[in-house]
Amino acid sequence: MKGNKDLQFCLEALRSLQNRNGPEPEQRSALEKAEVKLKRLRRKPNPSREEIFEAVREVAEAIINNFLRRD
């Protein structure tokens, strides 16, 4: 999955969220874990559907929690 542009876009968006003004340490940690999960997914040549769904779930959870805690 190394050449996937959508995956690269997601990684860049996560980095952008991390670099925003003042995410709390736990928010930054959740975003870093999501980024690591996507990087692992990118390294797999043929990930299974379950692996893809798990990565998407973890990333979505990190992003949602990041925005809900800011309010």
C-alpha atoms as a PDB file:
ATOM      1  CA  MET A   1       0.000   0.000   0.000  1.00  0.00           C
ATOM      2  CA  LYS A   2       3.039   2.242  -0.190  1.00  0.00           C
ATOM      3  CA  GLY A   3       1.909   4.253  -3.207  1.00  0.00           C
ATOM      4  CA  ASN A   4      -1.574   5.034  -1.955  1.00  0.00           C
ATOM      5  CA  LYS A   5      -2.189   8.794  -2.156  1.00  0.00           C
ATOM      6  CA  ASP A   6      -5.227   8.658   0.132  1.00  0.00           C
ATOM      7  CA  LEU A   7      -3.178   7.036   2.863  1.00  0.00           C
ATOM      8  CA  GLN A   8      -0.461   9.662   2.477  1.00  0.00           C
ATOM      9  CA  PHE A   9      -3.104  12.401   2.700  1.00  0.00           C
ATOM     10  CA  CYS A  10      -4.398  10.911   5.965  1.00  0.00           C
ATOM     11  CA  LEU A  11      -0.904  10.812   7.438  1.00  0.00           C
ATOM     12  CA  GLU A  12      -0.339  14.453   6.512  1.00  0.00           C
ATOM     13  CA  ALA A  13      -3.685  15.449   8.013  1.00  0.00           C
ATOM     14  CA  LEU A  14      -2.810  13.700  11.283  1.00  0.00           C
ATOM     15  CA  ARG A  15       0.529  15.512  11.399  1.00  0.00           C
ATOM     16  CA  SER A  16      -1.284  18.777  10.787  1.00  0.00           C
ATOM     17  CA  LEU A  17      -3.640  18.099  13.700  1.00  0.00           C
ATOM     18  CA  GLN A  18      -0.673  17.364  15.950  1.00  0.00           C
ATOM     19  CA  ASN A  19       1.017  20.637  15.020  1.00  0.00           C
ATOM     20  CA  ARG A  20      -2.017  22.789  15.757  1.00  0.00           C
ATOM     21  CA  ASN A  21      -2.051  25.139  18.708  1.00  0.00           C
ATOM     22  CA  GLY A  22      -2.012  23.388  22.008  1.00  0.00           C
ATOM     23  CA  PRO A  23      -3.282  19.847  21.777  1.00  0.00           C
ATOM     24  CA  GLU A  24      -3.144  18.343  25.241  1.00  0.00           C
ATOM     25  CA  PRO A  25      -0.611  15.554  25.827  1.00  0.00           C
ATOM     26  CA  GLU A  26      -3.272  12.833  25.775  1.00  0.00           C
ATOM     27  CA  GLN A  27      -4.702  14.196  22.527  1.00  0.00           C
ATOM     28  CA  ARG A  28      -1.239  14.350  20.974  1.00  0.00           C
ATOM     29  CA  SER A  29      -0.580  10.787  22.151  1.00  0.00           C
ATOM     30  CA  ALA A  30      -3.811   9.494  20.569  1.00  0.00           C
ATOM     31  CA  LEU A  31      -2.967  11.193  17.276  1.00  0.00           C
ATOM     32  CA  GLU A  32       0.563   9.779  17.344  1.00  0.00           C
ATOM     33  CA  LYS A  33      -0.797   6.270  17.924  1.00  0.00           C
ATOM     34  CA  ALA A  34      -3.163   6.706  14.974  1.00  0.00           C
ATOM     35  CA  GLU A  35      -0.274   7.872  12.802  1.00  0.00           C
ATOM     36  CA  VAL A  36       1.796   4.833  13.809  1.00  0.00           C
ATOM     37  CA  LYS A  37      -1.134   2.558  12.950  1.00  0.00           C
ATOM     38  CA  LEU A  38      -1.405   4.096   9.477  1.00  0.00           C
ATOM     39  CA  LYS A  39       2.336   3.786   8.923  1.00  0.00           C
ATOM     40  CA  ARG A  40       2.160   0.093   9.807  1.00  0.00           C
ATOM     41  CA  LEU A  41      -0.731  -0.340   7.408  1.00  0.00           C
ATOM     42  CA  ARG A  42       1.239   1.409   4.679  1.00  0.00           C
ATOM     43  CA  ARG A  43       4.163  -0.997   5.114  1.00  0.00           C
ATOM     44  CA  LYS A  44       1.990  -4.081   4.548  1.00  0.00           C
ATOM     45  CA  PRO A  45       1.926  -5.117   0.904  1.00  0.00           C
ATOM     46  CA  ASN A  46      -1.529  -6.739   1.011  1.00  0.00           C
ATOM     47  CA  PRO A  47      -3.415  -5.869   4.204  1.00  0.00           C
ATOM     48  CA  SER A  48      -6.583  -7.772   4.970  1.00  0.00           C
ATOM     49  CA  ARG A  49      -9.952  -6.058   5.167  1.00  0.00           C
ATOM     50  CA  GLU A  50      -9.917  -6.514   8.936  1.00  0.00           C
ATOM     51  CA  GLU A  51      -6.559  -4.747   9.219  1.00  0.00           C
ATOM     52  CA  ILE A  52      -7.797  -1.865   7.105  1.00  0.00           C
ATOM     53  CA  PHE A  53     -11.030  -1.539   9.100  1.00  0.00           C
ATOM     54  CA  GLU A  54      -9.126  -1.657  12.386  1.00  0.00           C
ATOM     55  CA  ALA A  55      -6.770   1.114  11.251  1.00  0.00           C
ATOM     56  CA  VAL A  56      -9.658   3.283  10.058  1.00  0.00           C
ATOM     57  CA  ARG A  57     -11.508   2.756  13.342  1.00  0.00           C
ATOM     58  CA  GLU A  58      -8.498   3.741  15.444  1.00  0.00           C
ATOM     59  CA  VAL A  59      -7.766   6.833  13.366  1.00  0.00           C
ATOM     60  CA  ALA A  60     -11.392   7.955  13.403  1.00  0.00           C
ATOM     61  CA  GLU A  61     -11.581   7.405  17.153  1.00  0.00           C
ATOM     62  CA  ALA A  62      -8.436   9.490  17.745  1.00  0.00           C
ATOM     63  CA  ILE A  63      -9.720  12.348  15.597  1.00  0.00           C
ATOM     64  CA  ILE A  64     -13.207  12.337  17.096  1.00  0.00           C
ATOM     65  CA  ASN A  65     -11.871  12.264  20.634  1.00  0.00           C
ATOM     66  CA  ASN A  66      -9.465  15.074  19.792  1.00  0.00           C
ATOM     67  CA  PHE A  67     -12.268  17.360  18.693  1.00  0.00           C
ATOM     68  CA  LEU A  68     -14.755  16.389  21.381  1.00  0.00           C
ATOM     69  CA  ARG A  69     -12.318  17.150  24.190  1.00  0.00           C
ATOM     70  CA  ARG A  70     -11.524  20.585  22.824  1.00  0.00           C
ATOM     71  CA  ASP A  71     -15.087  21.881  23.242  1.00  0.00           C
END
